[in-house]
């Protein structure tokens, strides 16, 4: 009897089977005919350097990253908190439809996560209250208004700024 896979012996023969040393070396290795399946590597197109593991998720369907005037406002806020564009990563959820919290954390390893608007919420984030920082796993999360909502509303800007100082 010629059997190509030694693991099949256990189903055919009820007695114990002992492998020779040369067979033990081959046991468990994938065969050339067996496909080796690997998970696709995560990748994100993002703006910034992510040097301080501060991830900002936005939603701009018509743009690659973020509107220029909103980027300027964000950079001014970051500057007041002693951050720069090189310290953060801006991810446009509109360009990553299947964005999940697990994917973000696996790829970016965030210390801080800022979610600008309800359209920017990744899958699997759970329930968040607006402008109430929350600890998820080992990082701080702030879900707040989008820049479109904040630009003409002083109350929203003030609420956002107060929470950003705590993030």
Protein backbone atom coordinates (compact mmCIF):
# COMPACT_ATOMS: atom_id res chain seq x y z
CA UNK A 1 0.00 0.00 0.00
CA UNK A 2 1.40 3.41 -1.00
CA UNK A 3 0.05 6.40 0.99
CA UNK A 4 1.43 9.86 0.32
CA UNK A 5 0.37 11.53 3.56
CA UNK A 6 1.52 9.81 6.81
CA UNK A 7 -1.39 11.37 8.75
CA UNK A 8 -3.78 9.19 6.73
CA UNK A 9 -2.41 6.03 8.37
CA UNK A 10 -4.36 6.80 11.56
CA UNK A 11 -7.63 6.56 9.69
CA UNK A 12 -6.74 3.40 7.82
CA UNK A 13 -4.97 1.41 10.53
CA UNK A 14 -6.22 1.26 14.11
CA UNK A 15 -2.84 0.27 15.63
CA UNK A 16 -0.12 2.71 16.64
CA UNK A 17 2.27 3.66 13.91
CA UNK A 18 5.83 4.79 14.44
CA UNK A 19 7.63 6.98 11.98
CA UNK A 20 11.23 6.55 10.99
CA UNK A 21 13.54 9.52 11.66
CA UNK A 22 13.63 10.53 8.00
CA UNK A 23 9.81 10.47 7.89
CA UNK A 24 9.54 12.61 11.03
CA UNK A 25 11.47 15.37 9.29
CA UNK A 26 8.99 15.42 6.41
CA UNK A 27 5.85 15.11 8.54
CA UNK A 28 3.98 18.43 8.80
CA UNK A 29 5.78 20.21 5.95
CA UNK A 30 3.47 21.52 3.22
CA UNK A 31 3.68 19.47 0.05
CA UNK A 32 4.43 21.14 -3.26
CA UNK A 33 0.90 20.29 -4.39
CA UNK A 34 -0.69 21.80 -1.26
CA UNK A 35 -1.40 25.52 -1.66
CA UNK A 36 -0.01 27.76 1.04
CA UNK A 37 -2.59 30.38 1.89
CA UNK A 38 -1.46 33.66 3.42
CA UNK A 39 -3.62 36.50 4.64
CA UNK A 40 -3.36 39.71 2.64
CA UNK A 41 -1.07 42.25 4.25
CA UNK A 42 -2.83 45.30 5.66
CA UNK A 43 -1.99 48.60 4.06
CA UNK A 44 -3.42 52.08 4.33
CA UNK A 45 -2.99 55.18 2.26
CA UNK A 46 -2.57 57.93 4.83
CA UNK A 47 -1.30 61.48 5.18
CA UNK A 48 1.36 62.23 7.79
CA UNK A 49 4.31 60.48 9.37
CA UNK A 50 2.59 58.67 12.29
CA UNK A 51 5.68 59.22 14.47
CA UNK A 52 3.64 59.57 17.67
CA UNK A 53 0.98 56.97 16.86
CA UNK A 54 -1.81 59.55 16.74
CA UNK A 55 -4.41 58.44 14.16
CA UNK A 56 -7.08 60.79 12.81
CA UNK A 57 -9.93 59.21 10.85
CA UNK A 58 -11.95 61.46 8.55
CA UNK A 59 -14.55 60.96 5.82
CA UNK A 60 -14.18 62.83 2.52
CA UNK A 61 -15.61 60.80 -0.39
CA UNK A 62 -14.50 63.31 -3.03
CA UNK A 63 -10.91 63.77 -1.75
CA UNK A 64 -7.84 61.63 -1.21
CA UNK A 65 -7.40 62.72 2.41
CA UNK A 66 -8.91 65.94 3.81
CA UNK A 67 -10.08 69.35 2.56
CA UNK A 68 -7.31 71.99 2.56
CA UNK A 69 -9.09 74.41 4.89
CA UNK A 70 -9.85 71.56 7.30
CA UNK A 71 -6.25 70.39 7.18
CA UNK A 72 -5.09 73.91 8.02
CA UNK A 73 -7.49 74.03 10.98
CA UNK A 74 -6.33 70.60 12.16
CA UNK A 75 -2.66 71.57 11.88
CA UNK A 76 -3.31 74.73 13.94
CA UNK A 77 -5.01 72.67 16.65
CA UNK A 78 -2.18 70.13 16.63
CA UNK A 79 0.42 72.88 16.83
CA UNK A 80 -1.22 74.20 20.02
CA UNK A 81 -0.91 70.68 21.45
CA UNK A 82 2.73 70.41 20.30
CA UNK A 83 2.03 67.95 17.49
CA UNK A 84 2.76 68.28 13.79
CA UNK A 85 1.54 66.56 10.65
CA UNK A 86 4.62 64.34 10.89
CA UNK A 87 3.39 63.02 14.26
CA UNK A 88 -0.04 61.88 13.08
CA UNK A 89 -1.66 59.71 10.41
CA UNK A 90 -4.80 60.97 8.66
CA UNK A 91 -6.87 58.12 7.23
CA UNK A 92 -9.82 58.85 4.95
CA UNK A 93 -12.44 56.20 5.72
CA UNK A 94 -14.16 56.97 2.40
CA UNK A 95 -11.15 55.41 0.65
CA UNK A 96 -11.15 52.36 2.97
CA UNK A 97 -14.75 51.06 2.94
CA UNK A 98 -13.90 48.00 5.01
CA UNK A 99 -12.05 49.94 7.72
CA UNK A 100 -12.21 48.14 11.05
CA UNK A 101 -10.95 49.01 14.50
CA UNK A 102 -8.87 45.83 14.50
CA UNK A 103 -7.27 46.75 11.16
CA UNK A 104 -6.43 50.24 12.41
CA UNK A 105 -4.90 48.99 15.63
CA UNK A 106 -2.94 46.21 13.92
CA UNK A 107 -1.47 48.56 11.33
CA UNK A 108 -0.98 51.83 13.21
CA UNK A 109 -0.64 50.73 16.86
CA UNK A 110 -2.32 53.98 17.96
CA UNK A 111 -1.78 55.70 21.28
CA UNK A 112 -4.52 58.21 20.37
CA UNK A 113 -7.41 57.88 17.95
CA UNK A 114 -9.46 60.88 16.81
CA UNK A 115 -12.66 60.16 14.88
CA UNK A 116 -14.03 63.23 13.07
CA UNK A 117 -17.73 62.69 12.38
CA UNK A 118 -20.08 59.72 12.47
CA UNK A 119 -19.10 58.72 8.93
CA UNK A 120 -15.52 58.22 10.14
CA UNK A 121 -16.39 55.49 12.65
CA UNK A 122 -14.61 52.21 11.83
CA UNK A 123 -16.46 48.90 12.00
CA UNK A 124 -16.22 47.21 15.39
CA UNK A 125 -15.71 50.41 17.41
CA UNK A 126 -18.88 49.97 19.44
CA UNK A 127 -20.97 52.75 20.93
CA UNK A 128 -19.22 56.06 21.54
CA UNK A 129 -20.57 59.28 22.95
CA UNK A 130 -19.69 62.47 21.15
CA UNK A 131 -16.94 64.54 22.81
CA UNK A 132 -16.37 62.06 25.63
CA UNK A 133 -12.88 60.52 25.51
CA UNK A 134 -12.85 56.78 26.03
CA UNK A 135 -10.12 54.23 26.63
CA UNK A 136 -10.31 51.29 24.21
CA UNK A 137 -7.75 48.54 24.66
CA UNK A 138 -4.57 50.50 25.40
CA UNK A 139 -5.30 53.80 23.64
CA UNK A 140 -7.46 56.90 24.03
CA UNK A 141 -10.31 57.54 21.60
CA UNK A 142 -12.18 60.77 20.95
CA UNK A 143 -15.26 60.73 18.74
CA UNK A 144 -16.29 64.26 17.82
CA UNK A 145 -17.87 66.42 15.15
CA UNK A 146 -16.64 66.48 11.58
CA UNK A 147 -14.92 69.66 10.42
CA UNK A 148 -17.93 70.40 8.20
CA UNK A 149 -20.07 70.52 11.37
CA UNK A 150 -17.51 72.52 13.37
CA UNK A 151 -16.39 75.19 10.91
CA UNK A 152 -19.37 77.48 11.45
CA UNK A 153 -20.36 76.48 14.98
CA UNK A 154 -18.47 78.07 17.87
CA UNK A 155 -20.06 75.77 20.48
CA UNK A 156 -18.88 72.66 18.58
CA UNK A 157 -15.39 74.13 18.21
CA UNK A 158 -15.19 74.88 21.92
CA UNK A 159 -16.42 71.42 22.92
CA UNK A 160 -13.93 69.82 20.53
CA UNK A 161 -11.01 71.91 21.82
CA UNK A 162 -11.78 71.13 25.47
CA UNK A 163 -11.70 67.40 24.76
CA UNK A 164 -8.61 67.58 22.54
CA UNK A 165 -6.65 69.04 25.46
CA UNK A 166 -7.54 65.90 27.47
CA UNK A 167 -6.77 63.40 24.69
